């Protein structure tokens, strides 16, 4: 039953990231390249094609969360840490959603500030 809850946390996080990516794609559809990295003064250091920029974090999250889920099925947690697996998945998923939200906000800020 715990594995099902862990899987649900992974699926929900990936679904939220997919929705965010689709909304970002619609929002930035007029741009072919989007910023991926910024310097300390806010200048764009490099850009990527829109599809790569909007799928990088969701794909990375999928790899990390899937690996963690397989690890949770393969390895038993240490004694006394059995109840910490689901919160770990929730924290990981939440971190990826937060990072992606920040990335989308920085893209919008940069495009509004610097133009296309």
Protein backbone atom coordinates (compact mmCIF):
# COMPACT_ATOMS: atom_id res chain seq x y z
CA UNK A 1 0.00 0.00 0.00
CA UNK A 2 2.90 2.37 0.72
CA UNK A 3 4.29 1.75 -2.78
CA UNK A 4 0.97 2.87 -4.25
CA UNK A 5 1.09 6.12 -2.29
CA UNK A 6 4.68 6.70 -3.42
CA UNK A 7 3.68 6.05 -7.04
CA UNK A 8 0.76 8.46 -6.69
CA UNK A 9 3.11 11.18 -5.42
CA UNK A 10 5.40 10.64 -8.42
CA UNK A 11 2.52 10.65 -10.92
CA UNK A 12 0.98 13.80 -9.44
CA UNK A 13 4.30 15.67 -9.49
CA UNK A 14 4.97 14.67 -13.10
CA UNK A 15 1.42 15.59 -14.12
CA UNK A 16 1.77 19.04 -12.55
CA UNK A 17 5.09 19.54 -14.35
CA UNK A 18 3.52 18.47 -17.66
CA UNK A 19 0.67 20.94 -17.20
CA UNK A 20 3.12 23.70 -16.37
CA UNK A 21 5.18 22.88 -19.47
CA UNK A 22 2.09 22.96 -21.72
CA UNK A 23 1.00 26.30 -20.28
CA UNK A 24 4.53 27.65 -20.70
CA UNK A 25 4.59 26.48 -24.30
CA UNK A 26 1.33 28.32 -24.98
CA UNK A 27 2.57 31.42 -23.16
CA UNK A 28 5.91 31.59 -25.00
CA UNK A 29 4.72 30.28 -28.40
CA UNK A 30 6.02 33.31 -30.31
CA UNK A 31 9.61 32.66 -29.19
CA UNK A 32 11.75 30.00 -30.84
CA UNK A 33 14.46 30.12 -28.17
CA UNK A 34 14.09 30.67 -24.43
CA UNK A 35 16.65 31.64 -21.78
CA UNK A 36 18.17 28.80 -19.79
CA UNK A 37 20.86 30.49 -17.72
CA UNK A 38 21.36 33.96 -16.31
CA UNK A 39 24.37 35.84 -14.97
CA UNK A 40 24.43 37.67 -11.66
CA UNK A 41 23.37 40.92 -13.34
CA UNK A 42 20.39 39.34 -15.08
CA UNK A 43 21.93 38.98 -18.52
CA UNK A 44 21.08 35.81 -20.43
CA UNK A 45 24.13 33.56 -20.77
CA UNK A 46 22.60 31.02 -23.13
CA UNK A 47 19.30 30.01 -24.66
CA UNK A 48 17.78 26.76 -25.87
CA UNK A 49 15.04 25.88 -28.33
CA UNK A 50 11.62 26.32 -26.72
CA UNK A 51 10.87 22.57 -26.61
CA UNK A 52 14.18 21.82 -24.88
CA UNK A 53 13.84 24.71 -22.43
CA UNK A 54 10.34 23.70 -21.38
CA UNK A 55 10.99 19.96 -21.19
CA UNK A 56 14.39 19.93 -19.45
CA UNK A 57 13.16 20.12 -15.85
CA UNK A 58 10.15 17.77 -16.31
CA UNK A 59 12.38 15.15 -17.98
CA UNK A 60 15.01 15.52 -15.25
CA UNK A 61 12.27 15.20 -12.61
CA UNK A 62 10.95 12.09 -14.33
CA UNK A 63 14.38 10.47 -14.26
CA UNK A 64 15.05 11.37 -10.62
CA UNK A 65 11.59 10.47 -9.32
CA UNK A 66 11.46 7.21 -11.27
CA UNK A 67 14.90 6.23 -9.97
CA UNK A 68 13.85 7.06 -6.43
CA UNK A 69 10.63 5.07 -6.83
CA UNK A 70 12.48 2.02 -8.16
CA UNK A 71 14.92 2.41 -5.27
CA UNK A 72 12.04 2.49 -2.80
CA UNK A 73 10.80 -0.80 -4.23
CA UNK A 74 14.24 -2.39 -4.34
CA UNK A 75 15.78 -1.33 -1.05
CA UNK A 76 14.22 -1.43 2.39
CA UNK A 77 14.48 1.79 4.42
CA UNK A 78 16.54 1.77 7.58
CA UNK A 79 14.83 0.79 10.77
CA UNK A 80 12.73 3.68 12.06
CA UNK A 81 12.65 5.46 8.68
CA UNK A 82 9.82 3.48 7.11
CA UNK A 83 7.43 6.42 7.46
CA UNK A 84 9.84 8.89 5.82
CA UNK A 85 9.64 7.52 2.26
CA UNK A 86 6.38 9.19 1.21
CA UNK A 87 7.37 12.59 2.66
CA UNK A 88 10.65 12.31 0.74
CA UNK A 89 8.71 11.82 -2.50
CA UNK A 90 6.45 14.76 -1.68
CA UNK A 91 9.45 16.97 -0.94
CA UNK A 92 11.24 15.92 -4.14
CA UNK A 93 8.15 16.50 -6.26
CA UNK A 94 7.48 19.84 -4.60
CA UNK A 95 11.05 20.96 -5.16
CA UNK A 96 10.87 20.16 -8.87
CA UNK A 97 7.55 22.00 -9.21
CA UNK A 98 9.00 25.02 -7.37
CA UNK A 99 12.17 25.05 -9.44
CA UNK A 100 10.19 24.83 -12.66
CA UNK A 101 7.86 27.63 -11.53
CA UNK A 102 10.93 29.78 -10.80
CA UNK A 103 12.40 28.94 -14.21
CA UNK A 104 9.17 29.92 -15.98
CA UNK A 105 9.01 33.15 -13.98
CA UNK A 106 12.63 33.99 -14.84
CA UNK A 107 11.94 33.31 -18.53
CA UNK A 108 8.94 35.66 -18.49
CA UNK A 109 10.91 38.32 -16.60
CA UNK A 110 13.83 38.08 -18.98
CA UNK A 111 11.68 38.24 -22.13
CA UNK A 112 9.69 41.17 -20.76
CA UNK A 113 12.89 42.97 -19.79
CA UNK A 114 15.01 42.27 -22.88
CA UNK A 115 12.40 41.61 -25.54
CA UNK A 116 12.58 38.78 -28.10
